[in-house]
Amino acid sequence: MPSAKPYLEAYCSGKPLDYKTWIKYEPAWNNTSAIDVVNYIAYMDEVDFIMLKHAAHQYMFDKDNLLKVLEKAGFKNARLREFDPSLDFEWRDYESIYALAEK
């Protein structure tokens, strides 16, 4: 899951994210004001579908929220994990949260 935290911290602090690292799809980036960094992560639906050919994100997560949502959905032993190259896209690692849970 993409982590909302770095985007929200950039907005709240007024310190822009490094464009080359964080903005991967330029057509979705308005760059008109600080709120654009939040809109970029929140509304990238069609970008994920175009690039990855799967359903787009519908919700913003942080580490705590992701674990609680998994547990509320009936998963057990929800816990954070590290990047795993056999499961995860390396090009998305800079913004991702990874978790394991048991059904």
C-alpha atoms as a PDB file:
ATOM      1  CA  MET A   1       0.000   0.000   0.000  1.00  0.00           C
ATOM      2  CA  PRO A   2       1.241   3.509  -0.623  1.00  0.00           C
ATOM      3  CA  SER A   3       1.822   5.364   2.618  1.00  0.00           C
ATOM      4  CA  ALA A   4      -0.046   8.660   2.900  1.00  0.00           C
ATOM      5  CA  LYS A   5       2.335   9.884   5.616  1.00  0.00           C
ATOM      6  CA  PRO A   6       5.157  11.401   3.512  1.00  0.00           C
ATOM      7  CA  TYR A   7       2.655  13.217   1.303  1.00  0.00           C
ATOM      8  CA  LEU A   8       0.684  14.594   4.256  1.00  0.00           C
ATOM      9  CA  GLU A   9       3.875  15.580   6.084  1.00  0.00           C
ATOM     10  CA  ALA A  10       5.025  17.487   3.005  1.00  0.00           C
ATOM     11  CA  TYR A  11       1.700  19.301   2.878  1.00  0.00           C
ATOM     12  CA  CYS A  12       1.616  20.107   6.611  1.00  0.00           C
ATOM     13  CA  SER A  13       5.238  21.201   6.809  1.00  0.00           C
ATOM     14  CA  GLY A  14       5.175  23.174   3.584  1.00  0.00           C
ATOM     15  CA  LYS A  15       8.378  21.405   2.518  1.00  0.00           C
ATOM     16  CA  PRO A  16       8.025  19.967  -0.982  1.00  0.00           C
ATOM     17  CA  LEU A  17       8.870  16.373  -1.743  1.00  0.00           C
ATOM     18  CA  ASP A  18      11.797  15.708  -4.037  1.00  0.00           C
ATOM     19  CA  TYR A  19      10.094  15.741  -7.417  1.00  0.00           C
ATOM     20  CA  LYS A  20      12.328  13.123  -9.063  1.00  0.00           C
ATOM     21  CA  THR A  21      11.816  10.629  -6.216  1.00  0.00           C
ATOM     22  CA  TRP A  22       8.135  11.096  -5.394  1.00  0.00           C
ATOM     23  CA  ILE A  23       6.341  12.246  -8.535  1.00  0.00           C
ATOM     24  CA  LYS A  24       6.419   9.275 -10.896  1.00  0.00           C
ATOM     25  CA  TYR A  25       3.563  10.216 -13.210  1.00  0.00           C
ATOM     26  CA  GLU A  26       3.924  13.812 -14.321  1.00  0.00           C
ATOM     27  CA  PRO A  27       0.493  14.209 -16.019  1.00  0.00           C
ATOM     28  CA  ALA A  28      -1.172  13.725 -12.597  1.00  0.00           C
ATOM     29  CA  TRP A  29       0.953  16.427 -10.946  1.00  0.00           C
ATOM     30  CA  ASN A  30      -0.537  19.945 -11.065  1.00  0.00           C
ATOM     31  CA  ASN A  31       2.191  21.670  -9.026  1.00  0.00           C
ATOM     32  CA  THR A  32       0.062  24.735  -8.320  1.00  0.00           C
ATOM     33  CA  SER A  33       0.002  24.720  -4.502  1.00  0.00           C
ATOM     34  CA  ALA A  34       0.857  22.599  -1.455  1.00  0.00           C
ATOM     35  CA  ILE A  35      -2.398  20.605  -1.625  1.00  0.00           C
ATOM     36  CA  ASP A  36      -1.330  19.124  -4.950  1.00  0.00           C
ATOM     37  CA  VAL A  37       0.960  16.651  -3.192  1.00  0.00           C
ATOM     38  CA  VAL A  38      -2.057  15.243  -1.289  1.00  0.00           C
ATOM     39  CA  ASN A  39      -4.188  15.144  -4.424  1.00  0.00           C
ATOM     40  CA  TYR A  40      -1.403  13.347  -6.244  1.00  0.00           C
ATOM     41  CA  ILE A  41      -1.417  10.364  -3.871  1.00  0.00           C
ATOM     42  CA  ALA A  42      -5.177  10.393  -3.226  1.00  0.00           C
ATOM     43  CA  TYR A  43      -6.367  10.524  -6.823  1.00  0.00           C
ATOM     44  CA  MET A  44      -3.867   8.466  -8.785  1.00  0.00           C
ATOM     45  CA  ASP A  45      -6.550   5.843  -9.563  1.00  0.00           C
ATOM     46  CA  GLU A  46      -6.256   5.751 -13.322  1.00  0.00           C
ATOM     47  CA  VAL A  47      -2.466   5.832 -13.141  1.00  0.00           C
ATOM     48  CA  ASP A  48      -2.274   2.597 -11.149  1.00  0.00           C
ATOM     49  CA  PHE A  49      -4.736   0.999 -13.517  1.00  0.00           C
ATOM     50  CA  ILE A  50      -2.838   2.148 -16.619  1.00  0.00           C
ATOM     51  CA  MET A  51       0.609   1.225 -15.267  1.00  0.00           C
ATOM     52  CA  LEU A  52      -0.193  -1.944 -13.334  1.00  0.00           C
ATOM     53  CA  LYS A  53      -3.389  -3.171 -15.015  1.00  0.00           C
ATOM     54  CA  HIS A  54      -5.176  -3.779 -11.717  1.00  0.00           C
ATOM     55  CA  ALA A  55      -7.826  -2.080  -9.613  1.00  0.00           C
ATOM     56  CA  ALA A  56      -6.847   1.343  -8.387  1.00  0.00           C
ATOM     57  CA  HIS A  57      -6.381   2.454  -4.802  1.00  0.00           C
ATOM     58  CA  GLN A  58      -9.510   3.641  -3.037  1.00  0.00           C
ATOM     59  CA  TYR A  59      -8.176   4.554   0.403  1.00  0.00           C
ATOM     60  CA  MET A  60      -5.189   6.289   1.997  1.00  0.00           C
ATOM     61  CA  PHE A  61      -3.250   4.320   4.625  1.00  0.00           C
ATOM     62  CA  ASP A  62      -0.589   4.836   7.244  1.00  0.00           C
ATOM     63  CA  LYS A  63       1.134   2.022   9.161  1.00  0.00           C
ATOM     64  CA  ASP A  64      -1.246   1.990  12.132  1.00  0.00           C
ATOM     65  CA  ASN A  65      -4.366   2.268  10.022  1.00  0.00           C
ATOM     66  CA  LEU A  66      -3.355  -0.553   7.666  1.00  0.00           C
ATOM     67  CA  LEU A  67      -2.925  -3.004  10.545  1.00  0.00           C
ATOM     68  CA  LYS A  68      -6.232  -2.008  12.157  1.00  0.00           C
ATOM     69  CA  VAL A  69      -8.135  -2.286   8.864  1.00  0.00           C
ATOM     70  CA  LEU A  70      -6.719  -5.781   8.314  1.00  0.00           C
ATOM     71  CA  GLU A  71      -7.743  -6.867  11.818  1.00  0.00           C
ATOM     72  CA  LYS A  72     -11.217  -5.331  11.466  1.00  0.00           C
ATOM     73  CA  ALA A  73     -11.621  -7.299   8.216  1.00  0.00           C
ATOM     74  CA  GLY A  74     -11.048 -10.529  10.145  1.00  0.00           C
ATOM     75  CA  PHE A  75      -7.330 -11.045   9.639  1.00  0.00           C
ATOM     76  CA  LYS A  76      -5.233 -12.217  12.582  1.00  0.00           C
ATOM     77  CA  ASN A  77      -1.642 -11.414  13.562  1.00  0.00           C
ATOM     78  CA  ALA A  78      -1.439  -8.367  11.309  1.00  0.00           C
ATOM     79  CA  ARG A  79       2.086  -6.998  11.349  1.00  0.00           C
ATOM     80  CA  LEU A  80       4.340  -4.815   9.269  1.00  0.00           C
ATOM     81  CA  ARG A  81       7.002  -6.413   7.113  1.00  0.00           C
ATOM     82  CA  GLU A  82       9.955  -5.296   5.040  1.00  0.00           C
ATOM     83  CA  PHE A  83      10.135  -5.057   1.257  1.00  0.00           C
ATOM     84  CA  ASP A  84      10.265  -8.477  -0.438  1.00  0.00           C
ATOM     85  CA  PRO A  85      11.534  -8.448  -4.048  1.00  0.00           C
ATOM     86  CA  SER A  86       9.665 -11.669  -4.796  1.00  0.00           C
ATOM     87  CA  LEU A  87       6.326 -10.001  -3.930  1.00  0.00           C
ATOM     88  CA  ASP A  88       6.718  -6.253  -4.313  1.00  0.00           C
ATOM     89  CA  PHE A  89       7.467  -3.756  -7.054  1.00  0.00           C
ATOM     90  CA  GLU A  90      10.898  -2.283  -6.340  1.00  0.00           C
ATOM     91  CA  TRP A  91       9.987   0.928  -8.145  1.00  0.00           C
ATOM     92  CA  ARG A  92       7.196   1.504  -5.566  1.00  0.00           C
ATOM     93  CA  ASP A  93       9.292   0.748  -2.466  1.00  0.00           C
ATOM     94  CA  TYR A  94      10.032   4.413  -1.697  1.00  0.00           C
ATOM     95  CA  GLU A  95       6.372   5.057  -0.761  1.00  0.00           C
ATOM     96  CA  SER A  96       4.997   1.664   0.253  1.00  0.00           C
ATOM     97  CA  ILE A  97       3.860   0.052   3.488  1.00  0.00           C
ATOM     98  CA  TYR A  98       4.061  -3.745   3.653  1.00  0.00           C
ATOM     99  CA  ALA A  99       2.077  -6.004   5.964  1.00  0.00           C
ATOM    100  CA  LEU A 100       1.410  -9.677   6.618  1.00  0.00           C
ATOM    101  CA  ALA A 101      -1.772 -11.074   8.147  1.00  0.00           C
ATOM    102  CA  GLU A 102      -3.479 -14.429   8.479  1.00  0.00           C
ATOM    103  CA  LYS A 103      -7.069 -15.198   7.509  1.00  0.00           C
END
